[in-house]
C-alpha atoms as a PDB file:
ATOM      1  CA  MET A   1      19.402  -3.562 -23.482  1.00  0.00           C
ATOM      2  CA  ARG A   2      21.254  -3.146 -20.179  1.00  0.00           C
ATOM      3  CA  VAL A   3      22.767  -6.427 -19.014  1.00  0.00           C
ATOM      4  CA  PHE A   4      24.470  -7.290 -15.712  1.00  0.00           C
ATOM      5  CA  ILE A   5      26.886 -10.224 -15.252  1.00  0.00           C
ATOM      6  CA  THR A   6      28.030 -11.196 -11.773  1.00  0.00           C
ATOM      7  CA  GLY A   7      31.455 -12.777 -12.074  1.00  0.00           C
ATOM      8  CA  MET A   8      32.144 -11.157 -15.445  1.00  0.00           C
ATOM      9  CA  SER A   9      35.896 -11.539 -14.990  1.00  0.00           C
ATOM     10  CA  GLY A  10      35.531 -15.319 -14.880  1.00  0.00           C
ATOM     11  CA  PHE A  11      35.930 -17.695 -17.820  1.00  0.00           C
ATOM     12  CA  ILE A  12      32.270 -17.994 -18.844  1.00  0.00           C
ATOM     13  CA  GLY A  13      31.478 -14.422 -17.790  1.00  0.00           C
ATOM     14  CA  SER A  14      34.196 -12.934 -19.987  1.00  0.00           C
ATOM     15  CA  HIS A  15      33.113 -14.909 -23.048  1.00  0.00           C
ATOM     16  CA  LEU A  16      29.496 -13.935 -22.359  1.00  0.00           C
ATOM     17  CA  ALA A  17      30.452 -10.260 -22.072  1.00  0.00           C
ATOM     18  CA  SER A  18      32.206 -10.403 -25.442  1.00  0.00           C
ATOM     19  CA  ARG A  19      29.129 -11.959 -27.036  1.00  0.00           C
ATOM     20  CA  LEU A  20      26.734  -9.391 -25.554  1.00  0.00           C
ATOM     21  CA  VAL A  21      28.933  -6.417 -26.448  1.00  0.00           C
ATOM     22  CA  ALA A  22      29.071  -7.663 -30.042  1.00  0.00           C
ATOM     23  CA  GLN A  23      25.259  -7.650 -30.046  1.00  0.00           C
ATOM     24  CA  GLY A  24      25.219  -3.992 -29.011  1.00  0.00           C
ATOM     25  CA  HIS A  25      24.062  -4.379 -25.397  1.00  0.00           C
ATOM     26  CA  ASP A  26      25.058  -2.056 -22.547  1.00  0.00           C
ATOM     27  CA  VAL A  27      27.071  -4.532 -20.472  1.00  0.00           C
ATOM     28  CA  TRP A  28      27.798  -4.154 -16.763  1.00  0.00           C
ATOM     29  CA  GLY A  29      29.444  -6.732 -14.535  1.00  0.00           C
ATOM     30  CA  THR A  30      31.312  -7.521 -11.356  1.00  0.00           C
ATOM     31  CA  TYR A  31      34.661  -8.928 -10.359  1.00  0.00           C
ATOM     32  CA  PHE A  32      35.989 -10.012  -6.979  1.00  0.00           C
ATOM     33  CA  VAL A  33      39.645 -10.744  -7.705  1.00  0.00           C
ATOM     34  CA  LYS A  34      40.997  -8.535 -10.467  1.00  0.00           C
ATOM     35  CA  MET A  35      42.877 -10.520 -13.086  1.00  0.00           C
ATOM     36  CA  GLU A  36      43.713 -10.440 -16.752  1.00  0.00           C
ATOM     37  CA  ILE A  37      41.227 -12.514 -18.744  1.00  0.00           C
ATOM     38  CA  PRO A  38      42.076 -13.007 -22.448  1.00  0.00           C
ATOM     39  CA  ALA A  39      38.437 -13.223 -23.559  1.00  0.00           C
ATOM     40  CA  LEU A  40      37.597  -9.943 -21.801  1.00  0.00           C
ATOM     41  CA  ALA A  41      40.550  -7.977 -23.189  1.00  0.00           C
ATOM     42  CA  PRO A  42      38.970  -7.033 -26.559  1.00  0.00           C
ATOM     43  CA  VAL A  43      35.863  -5.566 -24.903  1.00  0.00           C
ATOM     44  CA  LYS A  44      37.255  -4.331 -21.579  1.00  0.00           C
ATOM     45  CA  ALA A  45      36.937  -0.684 -22.635  1.00  0.00           C
ATOM     46  CA  LYS A  46      33.311  -1.262 -23.671  1.00  0.00           C
ATOM     47  CA  VAL A  47      31.990  -2.737 -20.402  1.00  0.00           C
ATOM     48  CA  LYS A  48      31.432  -1.288 -16.936  1.00  0.00           C
ATOM     49  CA  LEU A  49      33.283  -3.501 -14.472  1.00  0.00           C
ATOM     50  CA  LEU A  50      32.521  -3.026 -10.761  1.00  0.00           C
ATOM     51  CA  HIS A  51      34.240  -4.568  -7.748  1.00  0.00           C
ATOM     52  CA  CYS A  52      31.730  -6.565  -5.727  1.00  0.00           C
ATOM     53  CA  ASP A  53      31.875  -9.278  -3.080  1.00  0.00           C
ATOM     54  CA  VAL A  54      28.547 -11.086  -3.490  1.00  0.00           C
ATOM     55  CA  ARG A  55      28.718 -12.125   0.180  1.00  0.00           C
ATOM     56  CA  ASP A  56      28.143  -8.456   1.073  1.00  0.00           C
ATOM     57  CA  ARG A  57      24.522  -7.450   0.460  1.00  0.00           C
ATOM     58  CA  GLY A  58      25.374  -3.771   0.547  1.00  0.00           C
ATOM     59  CA  GLN A  59      27.906  -4.148  -2.241  1.00  0.00           C
ATOM     60  CA  VAL A  60      25.482  -6.209  -4.343  1.00  0.00           C
ATOM     61  CA  THR A  61      22.689  -3.686  -3.843  1.00  0.00           C
ATOM     62  CA  GLY A  62      25.015  -0.804  -4.663  1.00  0.00           C
ATOM     63  CA  ALA A  63      26.184  -2.407  -7.894  1.00  0.00           C
ATOM     64  CA  LEU A  64      22.634  -3.168  -9.033  1.00  0.00           C
ATOM     65  CA  ARG A  65      21.485   0.318  -8.054  1.00  0.00           C
ATOM     66  CA  ARG A  66      24.098   1.782 -10.402  1.00  0.00           C
ATOM     67  CA  ALA A  67      23.386  -0.589 -13.274  1.00  0.00           C
ATOM     68  CA  ARG A  68      19.603  -1.051 -12.987  1.00  0.00           C
ATOM     69  CA  PRO A  69      19.730  -3.903 -15.515  1.00  0.00           C
ATOM     70  CA  GLU A  70      16.979  -5.521 -17.532  1.00  0.00           C
ATOM     71  CA  ARG A  71      18.828  -8.849 -17.674  1.00  0.00           C
ATOM     72  CA  ILE A  72      21.028 -10.512 -15.031  1.00  0.00           C
ATOM     73  CA  TYR A  73      23.399 -13.428 -15.508  1.00  0.00           C
ATOM     74  CA  HIS A  74      24.389 -14.702 -12.054  1.00  0.00           C
ATOM     75  CA  LEU A  75      27.743 -16.426 -12.582  1.00  0.00           C
ATOM     76  CA  ALA A  76      29.746 -15.324  -9.518  1.00  0.00           C
ATOM     77  CA  ALA A  77      30.672 -18.375  -7.459  1.00  0.00           C
ATOM     78  CA  GLN A  78      33.314 -20.469  -5.764  1.00  0.00           C
ATOM     79  CA  SER A  79      33.283 -22.951  -8.613  1.00  0.00           C
ATOM     80  CA  PHE A  80      35.827 -25.651  -7.771  1.00  0.00           C
ATOM     81  CA  PRO A  81      34.665 -28.927  -6.153  1.00  0.00           C
ATOM     82  CA  THR A  82      38.157 -29.625  -4.817  1.00  0.00           C
ATOM     83  CA  VAL A  83      38.258 -26.210  -3.109  1.00  0.00           C
ATOM     84  CA  SER A  84      34.808 -26.841  -1.626  1.00  0.00           C
ATOM     85  CA  TRP A  85      36.075 -29.882   0.281  1.00  0.00           C
ATOM     86  CA  LYS A  86      38.782 -27.739   1.862  1.00  0.00           C
ATOM     87  CA  TYR A  87      36.661 -24.605   2.334  1.00  0.00           C
ATOM     88  CA  PRO A  88      32.990 -25.661   2.594  1.00  0.00           C
ATOM     89  CA  ALA A  89      31.910 -22.572   4.531  1.00  0.00           C
ATOM     90  CA  LEU A  90      33.469 -20.214   1.973  1.00  0.00           C
ATOM     91  CA  THR A  91      31.750 -22.125  -0.820  1.00  0.00           C
ATOM     92  CA  VAL A  92      28.325 -21.945   0.822  1.00  0.00           C
ATOM     93  CA  ASP A  93      28.761 -18.276   1.781  1.00  0.00           C
ATOM     94  CA  THR A  94      29.751 -17.276  -1.749  1.00  0.00           C
ATOM     95  CA  ASN A  95      27.295 -19.373  -3.687  1.00  0.00           C
ATOM     96  CA  VAL A  96      24.222 -19.529  -1.456  1.00  0.00           C
ATOM     97  CA  LEU A  97      24.412 -16.284   0.521  1.00  0.00           C
ATOM     98  CA  GLY A  98      25.577 -14.523  -2.647  1.00  0.00           C
ATOM     99  CA  THR A  99      22.436 -15.677  -4.456  1.00  0.00           C
ATOM    100  CA  VAL A 100      20.191 -14.578  -1.585  1.00  0.00           C
ATOM    101  CA  ASN A 101      21.884 -11.176  -1.630  1.00  0.00           C
ATOM    102  CA  LEU A 102      21.311 -10.835  -5.358  1.00  0.00           C
ATOM    103  CA  PHE A 103      17.589 -11.616  -5.203  1.00  0.00           C
ATOM    104  CA  GLU A 104      17.070  -9.487  -2.095  1.00  0.00           C
ATOM    105  CA  ALA A 105      18.715  -6.572  -3.900  1.00  0.00           C
ATOM    106  CA  VAL A 106      16.522  -7.085  -6.981  1.00  0.00           C
ATOM    107  CA  LYS A 107      13.490  -7.120  -4.703  1.00  0.00           C
ATOM    108  CA  ALA A 108      14.547  -4.073  -2.679  1.00  0.00           C
ATOM    109  CA  LEU A 109      15.296  -2.037  -5.805  1.00  0.00           C
ATOM    110  CA  ARG A 110      12.055  -3.176  -7.473  1.00  0.00           C
ATOM    111  CA  LEU A 111      13.894  -4.149 -10.610  1.00  0.00           C
ATOM    112  CA  ARG A 112      11.847  -5.736 -13.356  1.00  0.00           C
ATOM    113  CA  SER A 113      14.776  -7.777 -14.582  1.00  0.00           C
ATOM    114  CA  ARG A 114      15.100 -11.395 -15.686  1.00  0.00           C
ATOM    115  CA  THR A 115      17.773 -13.532 -14.016  1.00  0.00           C
ATOM    116  CA  VAL A 116      19.408 -16.776 -15.041  1.00  0.00           C
ATOM    117  CA  VAL A 117      21.395 -18.538 -12.324  1.00  0.00           C
ATOM    118  CA  ALA A 118      24.439 -20.580 -13.320  1.00  0.00           C
ATOM    119  CA  GLY A 119      23.723 -23.992 -11.870  1.00  0.00           C
ATOM    120  CA  SER A 120      25.833 -27.092 -12.400  1.00  0.00           C
ATOM    121  CA  SER A 121      25.724 -30.733 -13.405  1.00  0.00           C
ATOM    122  CA  ALA A 122      27.362 -31.269 -10.006  1.00  0.00           C
ATOM    123  CA  SER A 123      23.845 -31.006  -8.600  1.00  0.00           C
ATOM    124  CA  TYR A 124      23.141 -34.511  -9.940  1.00  0.00           C
ATOM    125  CA  GLY A 125      26.108 -36.055  -8.141  1.00  0.00           C
ATOM    126  CA  PHE A 126      26.414 -39.816  -8.342  1.00  0.00           C
ATOM    127  CA  VAL A 127      24.911 -41.129 -11.571  1.00  0.00           C
ATOM    128  CA  THR A 128      25.254 -44.716 -12.744  1.00  0.00           C
ATOM    129  CA  ALA A 129      25.963 -45.658 -16.343  1.00  0.00           C
ATOM    130  CA  ASP A 130      22.385 -46.865 -16.876  1.00  0.00           C
ATOM    131  CA  GLU A 131      20.986 -43.493 -15.720  1.00  0.00           C
ATOM    132  CA  VAL A 132      22.591 -41.385 -18.451  1.00  0.00           C
ATOM    133  CA  PRO A 133      21.902 -39.182 -20.270  1.00  0.00           C
ATOM    134  CA  VAL A 134      20.570 -37.319 -17.252  1.00  0.00           C
ATOM    135  CA  ARG A 135      17.342 -35.357 -17.628  1.00  0.00           C
ATOM    136  CA  GLU A 136      16.250 -32.444 -15.473  1.00  0.00           C
ATOM    137  CA  ASP A 137      13.854 -34.634 -13.478  1.00  0.00           C
ATOM    138  CA  HIS A 138      16.675 -36.892 -12.252  1.00  0.00           C
ATOM    139  CA  PRO A 139      17.235 -36.949  -8.443  1.00  0.00           C
ATOM    140  CA  LEU A 140      19.761 -34.427  -7.140  1.00  0.00           C
ATOM    141  CA  ARG A 141      22.435 -36.250  -5.089  1.00  0.00           C
ATOM    142  CA  PRO A 142      25.502 -33.972  -4.956  1.00  0.00           C
ATOM    143  CA  LEU A 143      28.804 -35.445  -3.780  1.00  0.00           C
ATOM    144  CA  HIS A 144      30.585 -32.348  -2.458  1.00  0.00           C
ATOM    145  CA  PRO A 145      29.812 -28.960  -0.858  1.00  0.00           C
ATOM    146  CA  TYR A 146      30.054 -27.255  -4.248  1.00  0.00           C
ATOM    147  CA  GLY A 147      27.309 -29.484  -5.643  1.00  0.00           C
ATOM    148  CA  VAL A 148      25.155 -28.895  -2.563  1.00  0.00           C
ATOM    149  CA  SER A 149      25.562 -25.133  -2.967  1.00  0.00           C
ATOM    150  CA  LYS A 150      24.462 -25.346  -6.604  1.00  0.00           C
ATOM    151  CA  VAL A 151      21.297 -27.221  -5.650  1.00  0.00           C
ATOM    152  CA  ALA A 152      20.571 -24.483  -3.109  1.00  0.00           C
ATOM    153  CA  GLN A 153      21.112 -21.754  -5.712  1.00  0.00           C
ATOM    154  CA  GLU A 154      18.556 -23.120  -8.132  1.00  0.00           C
ATOM    155  CA  MET A 155      16.053 -23.745  -5.326  1.00  0.00           C
ATOM    156  CA  LEU A 156      16.445 -20.087  -4.370  1.00  0.00           C
ATOM    157  CA  ALA A 157      15.767 -19.049  -7.975  1.00  0.00           C
ATOM    158  CA  TYR A 158      12.581 -21.123  -7.888  1.00  0.00           C
ATOM    159  CA  GLN A 159      11.550 -19.756  -4.472  1.00  0.00           C
ATOM    160  CA  TYR A 160      11.993 -16.098  -5.417  1.00  0.00           C
ATOM    161  CA  TRP A 161       9.971 -16.666  -8.595  1.00  0.00           C
ATOM    162  CA  LYS A 162       7.129 -18.439  -6.803  1.00  0.00           C
ATOM    163  CA  ASN A 163       7.041 -16.303  -3.657  1.00  0.00           C
ATOM    164  CA  ASP A 164       8.063 -12.862  -4.906  1.00  0.00           C
ATOM    165  CA  GLY A 165       7.421 -12.969  -8.631  1.00  0.00           C
ATOM    166  CA  LEU A 166      11.089 -12.327  -9.469  1.00  0.00           C
ATOM    167  CA  TRP A 167      11.631 -13.771 -12.947  1.00  0.00           C
ATOM    168  CA  ALA A 168      14.416 -16.356 -12.592  1.00  0.00           C
ATOM    169  CA  ASN A 169      15.470 -19.716 -13.930  1.00  0.00           C
ATOM    170  CA  THR A 170      18.561 -21.931 -13.851  1.00  0.00           C
ATOM    171  CA  ALA A 171      21.048 -23.310 -16.358  1.00  0.00           C
ATOM    172  CA  ARG A 172      22.593 -26.578 -15.169  1.00  0.00           C
ATOM    173  CA  ILE A 173      25.967 -26.139 -16.827  1.00  0.00           C
ATOM    174  CA  PHE A 174      27.937 -29.282 -17.627  1.00  0.00           C
ATOM    175  CA  ASN A 175      31.713 -29.380 -18.185  1.00  0.00           C
ATOM    176  CA  THR A 176      32.691 -26.263 -20.119  1.00  0.00           C
ATOM    177  CA  THR A 177      36.053 -25.589 -21.711  1.00  0.00           C
ATOM    178  CA  GLY A 178      37.687 -23.701 -24.553  1.00  0.00           C
ATOM    179  CA  PRO A 179      40.364 -21.107 -25.283  1.00  0.00           C
ATOM    180  CA  GLY A 180      41.461 -19.329 -22.115  1.00  0.00           C
ATOM    181  CA  LYS A 181      40.182 -21.927 -19.657  1.00  0.00           C
ATOM    182  CA  VAL A 182      42.324 -22.823 -16.650  1.00  0.00           C
ATOM    183  CA  HIS A 183      41.888 -25.391 -13.901  1.00  0.00           C
ATOM    184  CA  ASP A 184      40.050 -28.072 -15.822  1.00  0.00           C
ATOM    185  CA  VAL A 185      41.302 -31.303 -17.329  1.00  0.00           C
ATOM    186  CA  CYS A 186      41.252 -30.089 -20.952  1.00  0.00           C
ATOM    187  CA  ALA A 187      43.135 -26.903 -20.105  1.00  0.00           C
ATOM    188  CA  ASP A 188      45.579 -28.756 -17.865  1.00  0.00           C
ATOM    189  CA  PHE A 189      46.383 -31.306 -20.566  1.00  0.00           C
ATOM    190  CA  ALA A 190      46.639 -28.641 -23.288  1.00  0.00           C
ATOM    191  CA  SER A 191      48.930 -26.443 -21.187  1.00  0.00           C
ATOM    192  CA  GLN A 192      51.204 -29.365 -20.346  1.00  0.00           C
ATOM    193  CA  VAL A 193      51.476 -30.371 -24.013  1.00  0.00           C
ATOM    194  CA  ALA A 194      52.323 -26.772 -24.962  1.00  0.00           C
ATOM    195  CA  ARG A 195      54.922 -26.518 -22.187  1.00  0.00           C
ATOM    196  CA  ILE A 196      56.592 -29.757 -23.213  1.00  0.00           C
ATOM    197  CA  GLU A 197      56.646 -28.548 -26.836  1.00  0.00           C
ATOM    198  CA  ALA A 198      58.259 -25.290 -25.694  1.00  0.00           C
ATOM    199  CA  GLY A 199      60.828 -27.036 -23.514  1.00  0.00           C
ATOM    200  CA  ARG A 200      59.381 -25.507 -20.355  1.00  0.00           C
ATOM    201  CA  GLN A 201      58.265 -28.813 -18.867  1.00  0.00           C
ATOM    202  CA  ARG A 202      59.911 -32.179 -18.902  1.00  0.00           C
ATOM    203  CA  ASN A 203      58.137 -35.408 -19.727  1.00  0.00           C
ATOM    204  CA  PRO A 204      56.053 -37.064 -18.456  1.00  0.00           C
ATOM    205  CA  MET A 205      52.749 -35.236 -18.364  1.00  0.00           C
ATOM    206  CA  ARG A 206      51.081 -35.619 -14.976  1.00  0.00           C
ATOM    207  CA  VAL A 207      47.503 -36.868 -15.129  1.00  0.00           C
ATOM    208  CA  GLY A 208      44.821 -38.063 -12.733  1.00  0.00           C
ATOM    209  CA  ASN A 209      42.003 -40.544 -13.239  1.00  0.00           C
ATOM    210  CA  LEU A 210      41.519 -41.101 -16.977  1.00  0.00           C
ATOM    211  CA  SER A 211      38.525 -43.436 -16.831  1.00  0.00           C
ATOM    212  CA  PRO A 212      35.632 -40.981 -16.130  1.00  0.00           C
ATOM    213  CA  ARG A 213      33.511 -39.876 -19.060  1.00  0.00           C
ATOM    214  CA  ARG A 214      32.392 -36.275 -19.259  1.00  0.00           C
ATOM    215  CA  ASP A 215      29.888 -34.240 -21.246  1.00  0.00           C
ATOM    216  CA  ILE A 216      32.075 -31.369 -22.494  1.00  0.00           C
ATOM    217  CA  THR A 217      30.796 -28.270 -24.291  1.00  0.00           C
ATOM    218  CA  ASP A 218      32.726 -25.366 -25.786  1.00  0.00           C
ATOM    219  CA  VAL A 219      32.313 -22.105 -23.856  1.00  0.00           C
ATOM    220  CA  ARG A 220      31.406 -20.308 -27.088  1.00  0.00           C
ATOM    221  CA  ASP A 221      28.379 -22.572 -27.351  1.00  0.00           C
ATOM    222  CA  GLN A 222      27.568 -22.363 -23.642  1.00  0.00           C
ATOM    223  CA  VAL A 223      27.223 -18.583 -23.555  1.00  0.00           C
ATOM    224  CA  GLY A 224      24.727 -18.820 -26.400  1.00  0.00           C
ATOM    225  CA  GLY A 225      22.819 -21.358 -24.326  1.00  0.00           C
ATOM    226  CA  LEU A 226      22.751 -19.050 -21.316  1.00  0.00           C
ATOM    227  CA  GLU A 227      21.300 -16.287 -23.445  1.00  0.00           C
ATOM    228  CA  ALA A 228      18.723 -18.662 -24.934  1.00  0.00           C
ATOM    229  CA  ILE A 229      17.573 -19.800 -21.480  1.00  0.00           C
ATOM    230  CA  LEU A 230      17.265 -16.228 -20.226  1.00  0.00           C
ATOM    231  CA  GLU A 231      15.369 -15.009 -23.275  1.00  0.00           C
ATOM    232  CA  LYS A 232      13.264 -18.048 -24.196  1.00  0.00           C
ATOM    233  CA  GLY A 233      13.194 -20.295 -21.125  1.00  0.00           C
ATOM    234  CA  GLU A 234      10.380 -20.423 -18.582  1.00  0.00           C
ATOM    235  CA  PRO A 235      10.743 -18.825 -15.133  1.00  0.00           C
ATOM    236  CA  GLY A 236      11.194 -21.260 -12.263  1.00  0.00           C
ATOM    237  CA  GLU A 237      12.556 -23.966 -14.567  1.00  0.00           C
ATOM    238  CA  SER A 238      15.990 -25.602 -14.770  1.00  0.00           C
ATOM    239  CA  TYR A 239      17.646 -26.537 -18.057  1.00  0.00           C
ATOM    240  CA  ASN A 240      20.645 -28.719 -18.842  1.00  0.00           C
ATOM    241  CA  LEU A 241      23.320 -26.944 -20.872  1.00  0.00           C
ATOM    242  CA  CYS A 242      25.289 -29.834 -22.334  1.00  0.00           C
ATOM    243  CA  SER A 243      26.319 -31.581 -25.523  1.00  0.00           C
ATOM    244  CA  SER A 244      24.413 -34.835 -24.837  1.00  0.00           C
ATOM    245  CA  ARG A 245      27.652 -36.698 -25.609  1.00  0.00           C
ATOM    246  CA  ALA A 246      30.208 -38.177 -23.208  1.00  0.00           C
ATOM    247  CA  ILE A 247      33.913 -38.460 -23.912  1.00  0.00           C
ATOM    248  CA  ALA A 248      36.403 -40.366 -21.756  1.00  0.00           C
ATOM    249  CA  ILE A 249      39.178 -38.288 -20.189  1.00  0.00           C
ATOM    250  CA  GLN A 250      41.541 -40.812 -21.768  1.00  0.00           C
ATOM    251  CA  GLU A 251      40.235 -39.797 -25.207  1.00  0.00           C
ATOM    252  CA  VAL A 252      40.752 -36.103 -24.424  1.00  0.00           C
ATOM    253  CA  LEU A 253      44.355 -36.921 -23.549  1.00  0.00           C
ATOM    254  CA  ASP A 254      44.842 -39.053 -26.654  1.00  0.00           C
ATOM    255  CA  ARG A 255      43.492 -36.325 -28.948  1.00  0.00           C
ATOM    256  CA  LEU A 256      45.805 -33.687 -27.491  1.00  0.00           C
ATOM    257  CA  VAL A 257      48.832 -35.981 -27.601  1.00  0.00           C
ATOM    258  CA  LYS A 258      48.047 -36.605 -31.268  1.00  0.00           C
ATOM    259  CA  LEU A 259      48.019 -32.831 -31.887  1.00  0.00           C
ATOM    260  CA  ALA A 260      51.370 -32.387 -30.135  1.00  0.00           C
ATOM    261  CA  ARG A 261      54.487 -31.268 -31.988  1.00  0.00           C
ATOM    262  CA  ALA A 262      56.751 -33.168 -29.613  1.00  0.00           C
ATOM    263  CA  ARG A 263      56.973 -36.638 -28.080  1.00  0.00           C
ATOM    264  CA  ILE A 264      54.673 -36.822 -25.060  1.00  0.00           C
ATOM    265  CA  GLU A 265      54.985 -39.292 -22.185  1.00  0.00           C
ATOM    266  CA  VAL A 266      52.245 -39.724 -19.581  1.00  0.00           C
ATOM    267  CA  ALA A 267      52.285 -40.724 -15.893  1.00  0.00           C
ATOM    268  CA  VAL A 268      49.482 -40.894 -13.314  1.00  0.00           C
ATOM    269  CA  ASP A 269      50.092 -38.595 -10.321  1.00  0.00           C
ATOM    270  CA  PRO A 270      48.384 -39.891  -7.133  1.00  0.00           C
ATOM    271  CA  GLY A 271      48.120 -36.302  -5.935  1.00  0.00           C
ATOM    272  CA  LEU A 272      45.685 -35.546  -8.758  1.00  0.00           C
ATOM    273  CA  LEU A 273      43.231 -38.286  -7.769  1.00  0.00           C
ATOM    274  CA  ARG A 274      40.031 -37.073  -6.067  1.00  0.00           C
ATOM    275  CA  PRO A 275      38.373 -38.673  -3.009  1.00  0.00           C
ATOM    276  CA  THR A 276      35.347 -39.415  -5.189  1.00  0.00           C
ATOM    277  CA  ASP A 277      34.953 -39.145  -8.946  1.00  0.00           C
ATOM    278  CA  GLU A 278      31.653 -39.569 -10.737  1.00  0.00           C
ATOM    279  CA  PRO A 279      32.230 -42.357 -13.322  1.00  0.00           C
ATOM    280  CA  VAL A 280      30.098 -40.649 -15.959  1.00  0.00           C
ATOM    281  CA  ILE A 281      28.487 -37.236 -16.336  1.00  0.00           C
ATOM    282  CA  MET A 282      26.324 -36.806 -19.413  1.00  0.00           C
ATOM    283  CA  GLY A 283      23.231 -34.707 -19.798  1.00  0.00           C
ATOM    284  CA  ASP A 284      20.180 -34.688 -22.017  1.00  0.00           C
ATOM    285  CA  ASN A 285      19.684 -31.313 -23.720  1.00  0.00           C
ATOM    286  CA  THR A 286      16.274 -32.161 -25.182  1.00  0.00           C
ATOM    287  CA  LYS A 287      14.411 -29.766 -22.857  1.00  0.00           C
ATOM    288  CA  VAL A 288      16.465 -26.670 -23.637  1.00  0.00           C
ATOM    289  CA  SER A 289      16.573 -27.496 -27.332  1.00  0.00           C
ATOM    290  CA  ALA A 290      12.809 -27.948 -27.538  1.00  0.00           C
ATOM    291  CA  ARG A 291      12.109 -24.739 -25.616  1.00  0.00           C
ATOM    292  CA  THR A 292      14.750 -22.420 -27.112  1.00  0.00           C
ATOM    293  CA  GLY A 293      16.165 -24.084 -30.213  1.00  0.00           C
ATOM    294  CA  TRP A 294      19.687 -24.069 -28.746  1.00  0.00           C
ATOM    295  CA  LYS A 295      22.129 -26.831 -29.607  1.00  0.00           C
ATOM    296  CA  PRO A 296      25.936 -26.836 -29.388  1.00  0.00           C
ATOM    297  CA  ALA A 297      27.685 -26.456 -32.747  1.00  0.00           C
ATOM    298  CA  ILE A 298      31.417 -26.691 -31.932  1.00  0.00           C
ATOM    299  CA  GLY A 299      32.898 -30.188 -31.839  1.00  0.00           C
ATOM    300  CA  ILE A 300      35.439 -31.436 -29.311  1.00  0.00           C
ATOM    301  CA  GLU A 301      38.144 -31.574 -32.008  1.00  0.00           C
ATOM    302  CA  LYS A 302      38.000 -27.812 -32.602  1.00  0.00           C
ATOM    303  CA  THR A 303      37.676 -27.059 -28.905  1.00  0.00           C
ATOM    304  CA  LEU A 304      40.846 -28.991 -28.030  1.00  0.00           C
ATOM    305  CA  ALA A 305      42.793 -27.652 -31.017  1.00  0.00           C
ATOM    306  CA  ASP A 306      41.831 -24.049 -30.184  1.00  0.00           C
ATOM    307  CA  SER A 307      42.692 -24.582 -26.519  1.00  0.00           C
ATOM    308  CA  LEU A 308      46.123 -25.972 -27.401  1.00  0.00           C
ATOM    309  CA  ASP A 309      46.764 -23.076 -29.792  1.00  0.00           C
ATOM    310  CA  HIS A 310      45.791 -20.652 -27.022  1.00  0.00           C
ATOM    311  CA  TRP A 311      48.476 -22.113 -24.742  1.00  0.00           C
ATOM    312  CA  ARG A 312      51.035 -22.098 -27.565  1.00  0.00           C
ATOM    313  CA  ARG A 313      50.394 -18.376 -28.120  1.00  0.00           C
ATOM    314  CA  LYS A 314      50.574 -17.747 -24.389  1.00  0.00           C
ATOM    315  CA  LEU A 315      53.994 -19.407 -24.321  1.00  0.00           C
ATOM    316  CA  GLY A 316      55.129 -17.543 -27.428  1.00  0.00           C
ATOM    317  CA  ARG A 317      55.150 -20.576 -29.719  1.00  0.00           C
END
């Protein structure tokens, strides 16, 4: 089967590409900023990687014209909430206009492909402790431009299905981490522990708010969930991709400190504190499990240990 991944050079996209190549699919994908991605390295020679700015409809149409895929995973995005506060227009252009361009290209080329859009738990926004675990019918109250853009993306998927018959649905992806991740709390903590072990960073570790609780899933489980939603989910629907468990950021830190091979000190850095921080994010994966049979299988202990080992290898330890 010919498969197309927008944002294949990203963290989830690269792990997804590796999974699909191993299954024998003909895998095509796009990148915007060329970079070395560890998860993509083993299969880089086996995929077709095209430069594409999803904000440019001509580039999107050209890439899809070459690939003519049967399955599309739409992962390309400006995916950082903190960046979206600073650059809201860039976030909306990339995420919302990019999604419009994708569906317009599918329509113009008369492709009979299925598409899953990478949504986000950020669409839910502020959720109180008595409202978790969050189900798909919970109100969407995003707290930043990134979250707003993700709501718009899944509404576009629904619109193009209902109005144009383009098969599409959405995966509301909760916190995802694992080997090779950068720019999330698990990766930041793991990299700091590895650097302190290697003598490349002095104590103390710098941390932000440790009180929030997050629903964290290993990327190796998440890419299986994306495939399950695309193959077995219903068009026009949205599905939570989550573990249905919440772990405090403090516990993530404690687990990594316990795995450390050196003495670790910790200090809160005011510069790492966000303007707003959802106190708890935890989803209910009953809907996706009932529809597709998917459930995460990798526990947080293995995820953190593998992430720390990744950074140790990266630093030559």
